[in-house]
Every structure is written in C-alpha cells, then in structure tokens.
Amino acid sequence: MMNDSIREQFTKDRNPFGFRHVRTLSRGAAELVDDAGPCVVLASPAMLQSGLSRRLLEQWCEDPRNAVVLADFHVQGTLARDLCSHPEDIMSQAGYRIPLRCQVESVSFWAHADGPQAQEFMRLLDPGHVVLVHGERDGMIQLKARLESDAAARGCRREVHTPATCEEVRLPHRAARRARIVGRLAARVGAAAAAAELRGEPATAVPLAGLVVRPRGAPDDLVLDPRDLPSYTGLSRGRVLTRQALPVRRPFSEIRMALESMFEGVEGADLAAATTMTMASGGPAAAADDGCAASRPLVLVLGDAVELTYKPPAAGRRVATLELAWEGGPRGDLLADAVVASCMMLEGERGDAEAGGPAAERAAALAKGDLDAARAAETRLTAGLLGAQFGTPEVTDEAAGTFVLACGGDARVGVDVGDQRCWLVSGGDGEGVPGPAAEATLTRVEAALGRLRDALAPVPLGGKVVDVKTGAGAGEPEPTEVKPTVTTAAV
C-alpha cells in the first residue's frame, strides 16, 4: 500500500524510492562503514547468526556510543534472542568472548499478528482446521488453546494443529464434484424416463455402472460407458486377455456337471456330442459312430466372463486339455480361479469308472437295458451331488427315485428324481411350518435339480439314448433336430 504522496510522485515521473542519503553496500565493503561517520546500517539476517549483521555487531558492540536495534521476531536459541537479556559479552564466530557495551533495543516491527489479532482473523474466516507454524512451542500451544476455546464458545467446530518441524499433517477434504452422464448411459436414462412417462408413472432412479473421467480442461467429470471413451476423450479401452491350460483326465460331461453345480449362467456350444457320448451311450464306443466328434474342441462360457475350451485327448492318449480364456479384471480373475479349483478337486477324486461310482453303474445299467438299476444309480448320483451342495441326503426309496435333503437346519426338502419335483418335508422351526428361509432353499434345490437333469439327459445327436423313467428310446434312434447352442439355467 502506498500513500497519496508517493502516488503523486509517480505521476510526476519521480522515483519515490530514490533516497538521496541511502546507498547500498557491496560485498566486502563492511570495513568501509567505519570511515563514513555517524550512520544507520540496515543489515541482515535479523537473527544475527551470520552474515553482514553479525560482522558489524562484533566490530561495534564494544563501543557504548553504538546501538543495535532488533526489529524482527527473535527465535529462541539465536544471538538476537540472547541480546534481549542484555548479557555482559557474546561469543564471536572465531570462538572467543567479546564484551557487549553497546545499547540494545527491540521494537515490534515484524509482520506477525499477535494473539488477539490472530483470534479476530479466525473469527472472520471461521475455518475448520488451523495449522500453527513458525513460532515458539509454548506460544503456539497457548494460542491453540485460545483459538479452540473461542470456537467452542461460539458453537463452532475447529481443530488446531501445532506440528513439529517436518511433521506431516493430514486434513480430510472432500471436494465437490459434478459429473455429466453422456453417451450410451445417457440414452439408457432417457429411455427409462420415456417409458415411465408412457406408463403415466413418475421417473425413478436408474442404476448405472460406468467410468468417471475428466477430459483435459473440462470443468466437469463425465460418466460414460467404456465403449464411448474414444468419442468423448482421447482415450481408448484396452484389454488384457489371460489364458491358462489345464491337463484333465475326466470326461467333459463330468467337468460340465461340476461347473453347473457351482456356477450360474453356464452356456455352451456343441455340448450335446460330448455329453451324449460319455453319459448316454457309454463313452468311447459312440465316438466311432459320430465320426470326428471325439476330436472336435468343445466350448463353455461361464458367466459371460470365462471361456473354457475342452480339447479331447489325442489318439492313444488319456489326457485332455482344458483351456481357460478371460479378460483380466476382478470378476474374470475370481471366476477363473474358482474354475481351476473345481477342476483340480475333480481331478483329485477317483474317476467313477475306476471306483465303480453311481455314474458308471448308471451307464452300465443303461447299456444292459436294466431301467430299475439305472434309476437307482441315478437317484444315488443326484443325492450325492445335491447333498454336497445343500445338506445330508437321506435316501428313502432308490427304486422310486426319492430321497430327503437335510438342508443345514433351514428345511428338509423331499426330492423325486423321476418326476423332477421337490417339496418341503418340514420347516426350520421343527413344527412343519416353512419360513422364508425354507422357501428360498426349496427354490434353490429345484433349480439345481433341473440343471442335473439337463446334464444327465442331454440332447442326442445319434446312437441310443434311454430315458430311465419311461424307457423311451430303447429301440432305433429317431432323427433329432440339434440346436447349435445349449443353454443351462442355473441357481
């Protein structure tokens, strides 16, 4: 700020700072000051720790006609602070004591606010956080107490920090952000609003999932579909495709059944050939009837995220290959890890053909035409698979194809494999009154039973396929229309 007199000199092309009796000293000219007569020297640094001010003090402090005026704040531990106590001598930079006979004066001329001024300033700004720096520790603690008590008296929330040198202070801050929905997401919102208007209903919130980006120089964020990145920004979407190959000895039908019993949304192409060969027709014998079906890769898509390709074993070998391909990301990585774990667990178990399990018994019974034995084996197989997922199975009638699942105390569910139906035997309260949890369990068991039925009775491509319930198909096979994709609904 300049007063009117200084401003007027500027209008008259005069330099108001061109002082006639003031001149600067060049480096090394401190010794010439003694020959200048009475004078006032403005020297720095103000703490008198070194530099020109320290050299002049050591030269003039022994003469009582001289004086030193301290015009800045004096930090504790500095020579300027020591002079305020008027010592008898001072230590020179050369390491010897020098008598202090000159006058020492201190004036409050520094540009620092005192306590009342700082409090008044805080009342005007009313900040939530105050950081006190560049001061003595005791003084800052006292000022902190005054600022906090003043805020509390006015009902304001304030936190005062007094960090030490190099100490980090973290202040929580949530910046206000605005975003515009554009592209495909905006069209989706508009379509939902238009549909609500046609129905005469008020518009409701539409859940969205997209990317939040801020183009260079734009004031607002953009919420958009990843496919719209090139249109609204200079970015493009990248993909990391991950592949992994697993050697497997289990047939594709068992791998598919294991995956369908655990995951939702299992879809596949050309599945019927493999499942018909391995489960309905008894295995390798049907391969010769289907020509090249045994060597054709089979594909499963899991949750629209992981693609599994089953490559049958080469001639003379028993090891097939299961290849996994998925786009890198949390969802795809999690599903791929679960698929690998399921396949490893399946490989760790003894094959049904070697151990004489229910699947092998069912295949053998179908080959002999013994429908009763096939129905009993299918009941044991279904009970074992559902029991591993829901609870302990209690087989009541293998010939009739019925059993009961004790589903973890929530409910006891009856299952009829032949009629493909389920019912609640009792609720979780033990009194036969099913609750919401028991009804939900029943729905899950029904869905799982349907998936198992689809796996055990695939779409036939040729050969002999026998329905263990009715015996249909025991004669010559009839032509069957084959769809290119078989989709299995899941829980």
Protein backbone atom coordinates (compact mmCIF):
# COMPACT_ATOMS: atom_id res chain seq x y z
CA MET A 1 0.00 0.00 0.00
CA MET A 2 1.29 3.48 -0.86
CA ASN A 3 0.08 6.81 0.49
CA ASP A 4 -1.07 9.74 -1.64
CA SER A 5 2.31 11.50 -1.52
CA ILE A 6 4.14 8.53 -3.04
CA ARG A 7 1.46 8.03 -5.68
CA GLU A 8 1.74 11.72 -6.64
CA GLN A 9 5.48 11.38 -7.24
CA PHE A 10 4.81 8.56 -9.71
CA THR A 11 2.58 10.91 -11.72
CA LYS A 12 5.45 13.43 -11.88
CA ASP A 13 7.93 10.86 -13.23
CA ARG A 14 9.82 10.82 -9.96
CA ASN A 15 11.13 7.73 -8.21
CA PRO A 16 9.81 7.88 -4.67
CA PHE A 17 12.40 5.28 -3.65
CA GLY A 18 15.37 7.22 -4.94
CA PHE A 19 16.65 8.29 -1.48
CA ARG A 20 19.45 10.86 -1.57
CA HIS A 21 21.06 9.77 1.71
CA VAL A 22 20.65 5.99 1.26
CA ARG A 23 23.03 3.78 -0.66
CA THR A 24 23.75 0.08 -0.85
CA LEU A 25 26.92 -1.67 0.25
CA SER A 26 28.66 -4.13 -2.00
CA ARG A 27 30.12 -7.33 -0.67
CA GLY A 28 33.28 -6.82 1.34
CA ALA A 29 32.50 -3.11 1.95
CA ALA A 30 31.59 -3.55 5.61
CA GLU A 31 35.04 -2.36 6.69
CA LEU A 32 34.46 1.00 4.93
CA VAL A 33 31.49 1.83 7.15
CA ASP A 34 33.83 2.90 9.99
CA ASP A 35 35.08 5.83 7.88
CA ALA A 36 31.60 7.09 6.98
CA GLY A 37 30.91 8.87 10.28
CA PRO A 38 27.58 8.54 12.14
CA CYS A 39 25.20 6.34 10.16
CA VAL A 40 22.43 3.74 10.30
CA VAL A 41 23.06 0.37 8.66
CA LEU A 42 20.18 -1.94 7.72
CA ALA A 43 21.73 -5.40 7.69
CA SER A 44 20.50 -8.98 7.61
CA PRO A 45 19.96 -11.63 8.80
CA ALA A 46 17.79 -10.44 11.66
CA MET A 47 18.76 -13.32 13.96
CA LEU A 48 22.43 -12.22 13.93
CA GLN A 49 23.63 -15.76 13.38
CA SER A 50 25.90 -14.94 10.43
CA GLY A 51 26.36 -12.58 7.51
CA LEU A 52 26.88 -8.79 7.46
CA SER A 53 24.77 -8.11 10.57
CA ARG A 54 26.91 -10.48 12.66
CA ARG A 55 30.22 -8.99 11.43
CA LEU A 56 29.09 -5.39 12.16
CA LEU A 57 27.86 -6.40 15.62
CA GLU A 58 31.20 -7.95 16.52
CA GLN A 59 33.01 -4.79 15.26
CA TRP A 60 30.81 -2.25 17.09
CA CYS A 61 29.49 -4.00 20.22
CA GLU A 62 32.44 -2.85 22.44
CA ASP A 63 31.74 0.89 21.91
CA PRO A 64 28.98 2.25 24.22
CA ARG A 65 28.22 5.02 21.66
CA ASN A 66 26.84 2.39 19.27
CA ALA A 67 23.47 0.70 19.40
CA VAL A 68 21.75 -2.33 17.84
CA VAL A 69 18.04 -2.18 17.17
CA LEU A 70 16.30 -5.55 16.77
CA ALA A 71 13.29 -5.00 14.51
CA ASP A 72 12.27 -8.60 13.74
CA PHE A 73 10.95 -11.59 15.67
CA HIS A 74 13.68 -13.34 17.67
CA VAL A 75 13.65 -17.14 17.55
CA GLN A 76 14.75 -18.86 20.72
CA GLY A 77 18.34 -20.12 20.55
CA THR A 78 19.63 -17.33 18.31
CA LEU A 79 22.05 -14.50 19.16
CA ALA A 80 19.31 -11.89 18.63
CA ARG A 81 17.22 -13.60 21.33
CA ASP A 82 20.22 -13.68 23.68
CA LEU A 83 20.82 -9.93 23.22
CA CYS A 84 17.33 -9.20 24.62
CA SER A 85 18.57 -10.37 28.04
CA HIS A 86 21.50 -7.87 27.89
CA PRO A 87 24.44 -10.24 28.53
CA GLU A 88 27.86 -8.91 29.50
CA ASP A 89 29.57 -10.47 26.50
CA ILE A 90 28.88 -12.52 23.39
CA MET A 91 30.68 -15.35 21.62
CA SER A 92 32.31 -14.36 18.35
CA GLN A 93 32.29 -16.53 15.28
CA ALA A 94 36.02 -17.04 15.80
CA GLY A 95 35.31 -18.65 19.18
CA TYR A 96 36.34 -16.01 21.76
CA ARG A 97 34.26 -13.79 24.05
CA ILE A 98 33.63 -10.10 23.16
CA PRO A 99 32.40 -7.56 25.74
CA LEU A 100 28.92 -6.21 24.99
CA ARG A 101 28.91 -2.45 25.83
CA CYS A 102 26.63 -1.10 23.07
CA GLN A 103 22.96 -0.33 23.61
CA VAL A 104 20.37 -2.98 22.68
CA GLU A 105 16.82 -2.02 21.74
CA SER A 106 13.94 -4.12 20.45
CA VAL A 107 10.94 -2.77 18.55
CA SER A 108 7.83 -4.64 17.37
CA PHE A 109 8.21 -4.01 13.67
CA TRP A 110 7.73 -7.53 12.25
CA ALA A 111 4.73 -8.50 10.11
CA HIS A 112 3.39 -11.11 12.53
CA ALA A 113 -0.08 -10.99 14.10
CA ASP A 114 -0.27 -11.22 17.87
CA GLY A 115 -2.74 -13.37 19.81
CA PRO A 116 -5.78 -11.02 19.70
CA GLN A 117 -5.21 -10.28 16.02
CA ALA A 118 -4.99 -13.99 15.20
CA GLN A 119 -8.21 -14.65 17.12
CA GLU A 120 -10.05 -11.88 15.30
CA PHE A 121 -8.80 -13.19 11.96
CA MET A 122 -10.04 -16.68 12.79
CA ARG A 123 -13.47 -15.30 13.74
CA LEU A 124 -13.79 -13.75 10.30
CA LEU A 125 -12.70 -16.84 8.36
CA ASP A 126 -14.14 -19.47 10.74
CA PRO A 127 -12.02 -22.36 9.34
CA GLY A 128 -12.48 -25.95 10.48
CA HIS A 129 -8.72 -26.55 10.65
CA VAL A 130 -5.90 -24.20 11.67
CA VAL A 131 -2.19 -25.09 11.42
CA LEU A 132 0.20 -23.03 13.58
CA VAL A 133 3.79 -22.86 12.31
CA HIS A 134 6.85 -20.61 12.63
CA GLY A 135 6.63 -19.93 16.33
CA GLU A 136 7.84 -21.00 19.72
CA ARG A 137 6.37 -24.19 21.04
CA ASP A 138 4.95 -22.74 24.25
CA GLY A 139 3.45 -19.76 22.43
CA MET A 140 1.79 -21.96 19.81
CA ILE A 141 0.26 -24.21 22.49
CA GLN A 142 -1.19 -21.18 24.28
CA LEU A 143 -2.57 -19.76 21.03
CA LYS A 144 -4.04 -23.15 20.17
CA ALA A 145 -5.92 -23.24 23.47
CA ARG A 146 -7.29 -19.73 22.91
CA LEU A 147 -8.41 -20.45 19.35
CA GLU A 148 -10.14 -23.69 20.31
CA SER A 149 -11.88 -22.19 23.35
CA ASP A 150 -13.02 -19.20 21.29
CA ALA A 151 -14.52 -21.53 18.64
CA ALA A 152 -16.23 -23.67 21.28
CA ALA A 153 -17.76 -20.57 22.92
CA ARG A 154 -19.30 -19.61 19.56
CA GLY A 155 -20.51 -23.17 18.86
CA CYS A 156 -18.07 -23.75 16.01
CA ARG A 157 -16.13 -26.90 15.29
CA ARG A 158 -12.42 -26.23 14.93
CA GLU A 159 -9.27 -28.33 15.15
CA VAL A 160 -5.95 -26.55 15.70
CA HIS A 161 -2.70 -28.34 14.75
CA THR A 162 0.77 -27.50 16.09
CA PRO A 163 3.11 -29.79 14.12
CA ALA A 164 6.81 -30.01 14.78
CA THR A 165 9.32 -29.38 12.02
CA CYS A 166 8.90 -31.90 9.16
CA GLU A 167 5.86 -33.43 10.84
CA GLU A 168 3.08 -34.36 8.41
CA VAL A 169 -0.45 -33.04 8.91
CA ARG A 170 -3.33 -34.77 7.13
CA LEU A 171 -6.57 -32.83 6.70
CA PRO A 172 -9.69 -34.65 5.46
CA HIS A 173 -11.17 -32.96 2.43
CA ARG A 174 -13.98 -33.90 0.08
CA ALA A 175 -14.06 -31.70 -2.96
CA ALA A 176 -17.38 -31.01 -4.61
CA ARG A 177 -17.50 -32.81 -7.95
CA ARG A 178 -20.04 -32.53 -10.74
CA ALA A 179 -20.48 -35.13 -13.43
CA ARG A 180 -22.47 -35.36 -16.65
CA ILE A 181 -23.85 -38.67 -17.93
CA VAL A 182 -23.21 -38.98 -21.66
CA GLY A 183 -23.33 -41.50 -24.48
CA ARG A 184 -24.94 -44.90 -24.04
CA LEU A 185 -25.59 -44.33 -20.35
CA ALA A 186 -27.46 -41.08 -21.05
CA ALA A 187 -29.55 -42.85 -23.69
CA ARG A 188 -30.40 -45.55 -21.18
CA VAL A 189 -31.58 -42.99 -18.64
CA GLY A 190 -33.61 -41.18 -21.29
CA ALA A 191 -35.26 -44.42 -22.44
CA ALA A 192 -36.22 -45.29 -18.87
CA ALA A 193 -37.73 -41.82 -18.33
CA ALA A 194 -39.68 -42.02 -21.60
CA ALA A 195 -41.04 -45.45 -20.72
CA ALA A 196 -42.16 -44.20 -17.30
CA GLU A 197 -43.88 -41.23 -18.93
CA LEU A 198 -45.79 -43.51 -21.32
CA ARG A 199 -46.98 -45.59 -18.38
CA GLY A 200 -48.05 -42.47 -16.55
CA GLU A 201 -45.63 -43.16 -13.72
CA PRO A 202 -43.07 -40.86 -12.13
CA ALA A 203 -39.50 -41.34 -13.28
CA THR A 204 -37.40 -43.46 -10.94
CA ALA A 205 -33.67 -43.75 -10.39
CA VAL A 206 -31.83 -45.95 -12.86
CA PRO A 207 -28.76 -47.86 -11.58
CA LEU A 208 -25.75 -47.24 -13.78
CA ALA A 209 -22.23 -48.61 -13.98
CA GLY A 210 -19.56 -46.82 -15.98
CA LEU A 211 -16.30 -44.89 -15.95
CA VAL A 212 -15.75 -41.47 -14.42
CA VAL A 213 -13.25 -39.41 -16.44
CA ARG A 214 -12.36 -35.74 -16.71
CA PRO A 215 -11.15 -34.58 -20.13
CA ARG A 216 -8.27 -32.12 -20.18
CA GLY A 217 -9.52 -28.61 -19.48
CA ALA A 218 -13.12 -29.66 -18.80
CA PRO A 219 -14.80 -28.28 -15.65
CA ASP A 220 -16.96 -31.37 -15.04
CA ASP A 221 -16.44 -35.12 -14.91
CA LEU A 222 -18.04 -37.43 -17.45
CA VAL A 223 -19.79 -40.70 -16.61
CA LEU A 224 -19.79 -42.92 -19.67
CA ASP A 225 -19.75 -46.46 -20.97
CA PRO A 226 -16.21 -47.75 -21.66
CA ARG A 227 -17.17 -48.15 -25.33
CA ASP A 228 -17.74 -44.37 -25.54
CA LEU A 229 -14.20 -43.45 -24.45
CA PRO A 230 -12.89 -42.69 -27.96
CA SER A 231 -15.90 -40.45 -28.71
CA TYR A 232 -15.63 -38.17 -25.67
CA THR A 233 -11.95 -38.41 -24.69
CA GLY A 234 -8.60 -39.11 -26.26
CA LEU A 235 -8.50 -42.49 -24.54
CA SER A 236 -9.20 -45.95 -25.85
CA ARG A 237 -10.20 -49.08 -24.00
CA GLY A 238 -7.52 -51.70 -23.54
CA ARG A 239 -8.00 -55.41 -22.86
CA VAL A 240 -5.75 -57.91 -21.14
CA LEU A 241 -6.69 -61.42 -22.28
CA THR A 242 -5.43 -64.16 -19.98
CA ARG A 243 -5.12 -67.81 -20.96
CA GLN A 244 -4.40 -70.91 -18.91
CA ALA A 245 -4.28 -74.58 -19.91
CA LEU A 246 -5.04 -77.49 -17.57
CA PRO A 247 -4.41 -81.19 -18.26
CA VAL A 248 -7.54 -83.17 -17.32
CA ARG A 249 -8.39 -86.87 -17.31
CA ARG A 250 -12.07 -86.50 -16.53
CA PRO A 251 -14.59 -86.54 -19.40
CA PHE A 252 -16.15 -83.28 -20.46
CA SER A 253 -19.55 -84.31 -19.10
CA GLU A 254 -18.20 -84.55 -15.54
CA ILE A 255 -16.41 -81.20 -15.83
CA ARG A 256 -19.58 -79.56 -17.10
CA MET A 257 -21.67 -81.11 -14.31
CA ALA A 258 -19.22 -79.93 -11.65
CA LEU A 259 -19.27 -76.38 -13.01
CA GLU A 260 -23.04 -76.26 -13.36
CA SER A 261 -23.49 -77.41 -9.77
CA MET A 262 -21.42 -74.46 -8.57
CA PHE A 263 -21.93 -71.56 -11.00
CA GLU A 264 -24.79 -69.71 -12.62
CA GLY A 265 -25.05 -68.84 -16.28
CA VAL A 266 -23.16 -71.78 -17.84
CA GLU A 267 -23.64 -71.72 -21.61
CA GLY A 268 -22.02 -73.86 -24.23
CA ALA A 269 -21.84 -74.63 -27.93
CA ASP A 270 -21.87 -78.18 -29.37
CA LEU A 271 -22.17 -79.71 -25.91
CA ALA A 272 -24.59 -82.42 -26.96
CA ALA A 273 -21.98 -84.52 -28.76
CA ALA A 274 -19.69 -84.89 -25.77
CA THR A 275 -22.40 -85.45 -23.17
CA THR A 276 -24.21 -87.99 -25.34
CA MET A 277 -21.03 -89.95 -25.94
CA THR A 278 -19.83 -90.09 -22.36
CA MET A 279 -23.07 -90.33 -20.37
CA ALA A 280 -25.84 -91.75 -22.54
CA SER A 281 -24.07 -94.08 -24.91
CA GLY A 282 -21.45 -95.36 -22.54
CA GLY A 283 -18.39 -93.46 -23.69
CA PRO A 284 -15.81 -94.27 -26.33
CA ALA A 285 -17.97 -96.67 -28.31
CA ALA A 286 -20.19 -93.87 -29.51
CA ALA A 287 -17.28 -91.83 -30.74
CA ALA A 288 -16.81 -94.05 -33.74
CA ASP A 289 -20.43 -93.52 -34.77
CA ASP A 290 -20.06 -89.74 -34.69
CA GLY A 291 -17.03 -89.54 -36.92
CA CYS A 292 -14.79 -86.63 -35.94
CA ALA A 293 -16.87 -85.55 -32.89
CA ALA A 294 -14.30 -87.01 -30.50
CA SER A 295 -11.55 -84.71 -31.78
CA ARG A 296 -13.65 -81.55 -32.04
CA PRO A 297 -12.97 -78.92 -29.33
CA LEU A 298 -15.96 -78.11 -27.12
CA VAL A 299 -16.61 -74.65 -25.67
CA LEU A 300 -18.27 -73.48 -22.46
CA VAL A 301 -18.88 -69.87 -21.46
CA LEU A 302 -19.11 -69.22 -17.74
CA GLY A 303 -20.94 -66.11 -16.54
CA ASP A 304 -20.21 -64.29 -19.81
CA ALA A 305 -16.68 -63.83 -18.47
CA VAL A 306 -14.63 -67.03 -18.77
CA GLU A 307 -14.46 -69.18 -21.91
CA LEU A 308 -13.49 -72.83 -21.46
CA THR A 309 -12.34 -74.92 -24.42
CA TYR A 310 -12.18 -78.68 -23.94
CA LYS A 311 -9.78 -80.41 -26.35
CA PRO A 312 -10.25 -84.21 -26.30
CA PRO A 313 -7.15 -86.37 -25.88
CA ALA A 314 -5.19 -87.25 -28.96
CA ALA A 315 -5.20 -90.79 -30.32
CA GLY A 316 -3.53 -93.19 -27.93
CA ARG A 317 -3.56 -90.75 -25.01
CA ARG A 318 -5.88 -90.35 -21.99
CA VAL A 319 -5.11 -86.74 -21.06
CA ALA A 320 -7.29 -83.97 -22.47
CA THR A 321 -6.67 -80.23 -22.28
CA LEU A 322 -8.98 -77.62 -20.75
CA GLU A 323 -8.08 -74.09 -21.85
CA LEU A 324 -9.40 -71.06 -19.95
CA ALA A 325 -9.56 -67.61 -21.55
CA TRP A 326 -10.84 -64.49 -19.80
CA GLU A 327 -10.44 -60.74 -19.80
CA GLY A 328 -8.29 -59.60 -16.91
CA GLY A 329 -10.22 -57.96 -14.08
CA PRO A 330 -11.56 -58.71 -10.60
CA ARG A 331 -14.63 -60.61 -11.83
CA GLY A 332 -12.90 -62.66 -14.51
CA ASP A 333 -9.91 -63.49 -12.30
CA LEU A 334 -12.19 -64.65 -9.47
CA LEU A 335 -14.25 -66.90 -11.74
CA ALA A 336 -11.14 -68.34 -13.40
CA ASP A 337 -9.58 -69.17 -10.01
CA ALA A 338 -12.81 -70.89 -8.95
CA VAL A 339 -12.92 -72.93 -12.19
CA VAL A 340 -9.32 -74.06 -11.71
CA ALA A 341 -10.04 -75.03 -8.09
CA SER A 342 -13.13 -77.03 -9.13
CA CYS A 343 -11.24 -78.88 -11.84
CA MET A 344 -8.34 -79.65 -9.51
CA MET A 345 -10.73 -81.04 -6.89
CA LEU A 346 -12.43 -83.12 -9.57
CA GLU A 347 -9.08 -84.46 -10.77
CA GLY A 348 -8.11 -85.32 -7.20
CA GLU A 349 -11.02 -87.69 -6.84
CA ARG A 350 -11.02 -91.18 -8.30
CA GLY A 351 -12.96 -91.49 -11.53
CA ASP A 352 -16.39 -93.03 -11.37
CA ALA A 353 -15.39 -95.55 -13.98
CA GLU A 354 -12.43 -96.72 -11.86
CA ALA A 355 -14.21 -96.60 -8.50
CA GLY A 356 -17.48 -98.08 -9.73
CA GLY A 357 -19.49 -94.97 -8.74
CA PRO A 358 -23.14 -94.19 -9.49
CA ALA A 359 -22.39 -92.66 -12.91
CA ALA A 360 -20.57 -95.83 -14.03
CA GLU A 361 -23.31 -98.02 -12.60
CA ARG A 362 -25.95 -95.98 -14.41
CA ALA A 363 -24.08 -96.20 -17.72
CA ALA A 364 -23.65 -99.95 -17.33
CA ALA A 365 -27.32 -100.43 -16.45
CA LEU A 366 -28.42 -98.39 -19.47
CA ALA A 367 -26.17 -100.46 -21.71
CA LYS A 368 -27.84 -103.65 -20.41
CA GLY A 369 -31.34 -102.14 -20.58
CA ASP A 370 -31.90 -102.53 -16.81
CA LEU A 371 -34.04 -99.45 -16.14
CA ASP A 372 -34.60 -100.18 -12.45
CA ALA A 373 -30.86 -100.36 -11.74
CA ALA A 374 -30.27 -97.22 -13.83
CA ARG A 375 -32.99 -95.35 -11.88
CA ALA A 376 -31.47 -96.39 -8.55
CA ALA A 377 -27.97 -95.37 -9.65
CA GLU A 378 -29.28 -92.03 -10.93
CA THR A 379 -31.00 -91.45 -7.59
CA ARG A 380 -27.75 -92.09 -5.68
CA LEU A 381 -25.84 -89.87 -8.10
CA THR A 382 -28.34 -87.00 -7.76
CA ALA A 383 -28.49 -87.39 -3.98
CA GLY A 384 -24.71 -87.21 -3.74
CA LEU A 385 -24.42 -84.10 -5.91
CA LEU A 386 -27.27 -82.23 -4.21
CA GLY A 387 -26.06 -83.33 -0.80
CA ALA A 388 -22.62 -81.85 -1.43
CA GLN A 389 -24.29 -78.51 -2.14
CA PHE A 390 -27.23 -78.35 0.29
CA GLY A 391 -27.04 -80.93 3.09
CA THR A 392 -27.01 -84.58 4.12
CA PRO A 393 -29.18 -86.79 1.81
CA GLU A 394 -31.40 -89.49 3.28
CA VAL A 395 -32.31 -91.95 0.51
CA THR A 396 -35.72 -93.40 1.23
CA ASP A 397 -36.55 -95.31 -1.97
CA GLU A 398 -33.93 -95.80 -4.68
CA ALA A 399 -36.30 -97.72 -6.90
CA ALA A 400 -38.87 -94.94 -6.78
CA GLY A 401 -36.14 -92.29 -7.10
CA THR A 402 -36.98 -90.30 -3.96
CA PHE A 403 -34.86 -89.01 -1.08
CA VAL A 404 -34.83 -86.24 1.55
CA LEU A 405 -32.22 -83.49 1.96
CA ALA A 406 -31.50 -82.14 5.47
CA CYS A 407 -30.54 -78.62 4.39
CA GLY A 408 -28.48 -77.28 7.26
CA GLY A 409 -31.39 -76.92 9.68
CA ASP A 410 -33.27 -74.45 7.48
CA ALA A 411 -35.51 -77.07 5.93
CA ARG A 412 -35.87 -80.72 4.97
CA VAL A 413 -36.60 -80.98 1.28
CA GLY A 414 -38.06 -84.04 -0.42
CA VAL A 415 -36.81 -84.81 -3.96
CA ASP A 416 -38.37 -87.03 -6.62
CA VAL A 417 -35.77 -87.64 -9.33
CA GLY A 418 -38.19 -89.36 -11.70
CA ASP A 419 -40.90 -86.68 -11.61
CA GLN A 420 -38.36 -83.85 -11.24
CA ARG A 421 -40.15 -82.20 -8.32
CA CYS A 422 -39.27 -81.02 -4.82
CA TRP A 423 -41.35 -80.27 -1.71
CA LEU A 424 -40.83 -79.17 1.89
CA VAL A 425 -40.95 -82.00 4.38
CA SER A 426 -40.64 -79.65 7.38
CA GLY A 427 -39.63 -76.08 8.13
CA GLY A 428 -36.69 -74.81 10.10
CA ASP A 429 -38.75 -74.44 13.30
CA GLY A 430 -39.29 -78.18 13.56
CA GLU A 431 -43.09 -77.86 13.54
CA GLY A 432 -43.64 -78.29 9.82
CA VAL A 433 -44.28 -74.61 9.16
CA PRO A 434 -41.86 -73.43 6.46
CA GLY A 435 -40.48 -69.91 6.78
CA PRO A 436 -38.95 -67.56 4.18
CA ALA A 437 -35.53 -69.23 4.51
CA ALA A 438 -37.02 -72.67 3.87
CA GLU A 439 -38.91 -71.43 0.79
CA ALA A 440 -35.71 -69.91 -0.59
CA THR A 441 -33.86 -73.20 -0.01
CA LEU A 442 -36.61 -75.11 -1.83
CA THR A 443 -36.28 -72.79 -4.84
CA ARG A 444 -32.52 -73.33 -4.98
CA VAL A 445 -32.87 -77.12 -4.77
CA GLU A 446 -35.44 -77.11 -7.59
CA ALA A 447 -33.11 -75.11 -9.83
CA ALA A 448 -30.14 -77.39 -9.06
CA LEU A 449 -32.24 -80.48 -9.75
CA GLY A 450 -33.18 -79.08 -13.14
CA ARG A 451 -29.54 -78.47 -14.00
CA LEU A 452 -28.60 -82.02 -13.07
CA ARG A 453 -31.44 -83.40 -15.17
CA ASP A 454 -30.19 -81.41 -18.17
CA ALA A 455 -26.70 -82.80 -17.65
CA LEU A 456 -27.85 -86.42 -17.24
CA ALA A 457 -30.25 -86.29 -20.21
CA PRO A 458 -28.52 -84.24 -22.96
CA VAL A 459 -29.77 -83.54 -26.44
CA PRO A 460 -28.96 -86.68 -28.54
CA LEU A 461 -27.02 -86.48 -31.78
CA GLY A 462 -27.28 -90.18 -32.62
CA GLY A 463 -26.82 -93.57 -31.10
CA LYS A 464 -29.02 -94.99 -28.32
CA VAL A 465 -30.29 -92.62 -25.60
CA VAL A 466 -32.60 -94.16 -22.98
CA ASP A 467 -34.90 -92.27 -20.60
CA VAL A 468 -34.57 -94.12 -17.29
CA LYS A 469 -38.08 -93.00 -16.27
CA THR A 470 -40.12 -94.16 -19.29
CA GLY A 471 -37.72 -96.42 -21.16
CA ALA A 472 -38.27 -94.40 -24.32
CA GLY A 473 -35.50 -94.62 -26.86
CA ALA A 474 -34.61 -98.26 -26.29
CA GLY A 475 -35.28 -99.01 -29.95
CA GLU A 476 -33.80 -97.43 -33.03
CA PRO A 477 -32.99 -93.69 -32.67
CA GLU A 478 -35.20 -91.23 -34.48
CA PRO A 479 -33.84 -88.12 -36.21
CA THR A 480 -33.50 -85.23 -33.77
CA GLU A 481 -33.10 -81.59 -34.63
CA VAL A 482 -29.92 -80.25 -32.97
CA LYS A 483 -29.67 -76.64 -31.90
CA PRO A 484 -26.25 -75.01 -32.23
CA THR A 485 -26.26 -73.81 -28.62
CA VAL A 486 -27.44 -75.49 -25.43
CA THR A 487 -28.12 -73.11 -22.56
CA THR A 488 -28.47 -74.35 -19.00
CA ALA A 489 -30.24 -72.17 -16.46
CA ALA A 490 -28.60 -72.01 -13.05
CA VAL A 491 -29.48 -71.03 -9.48
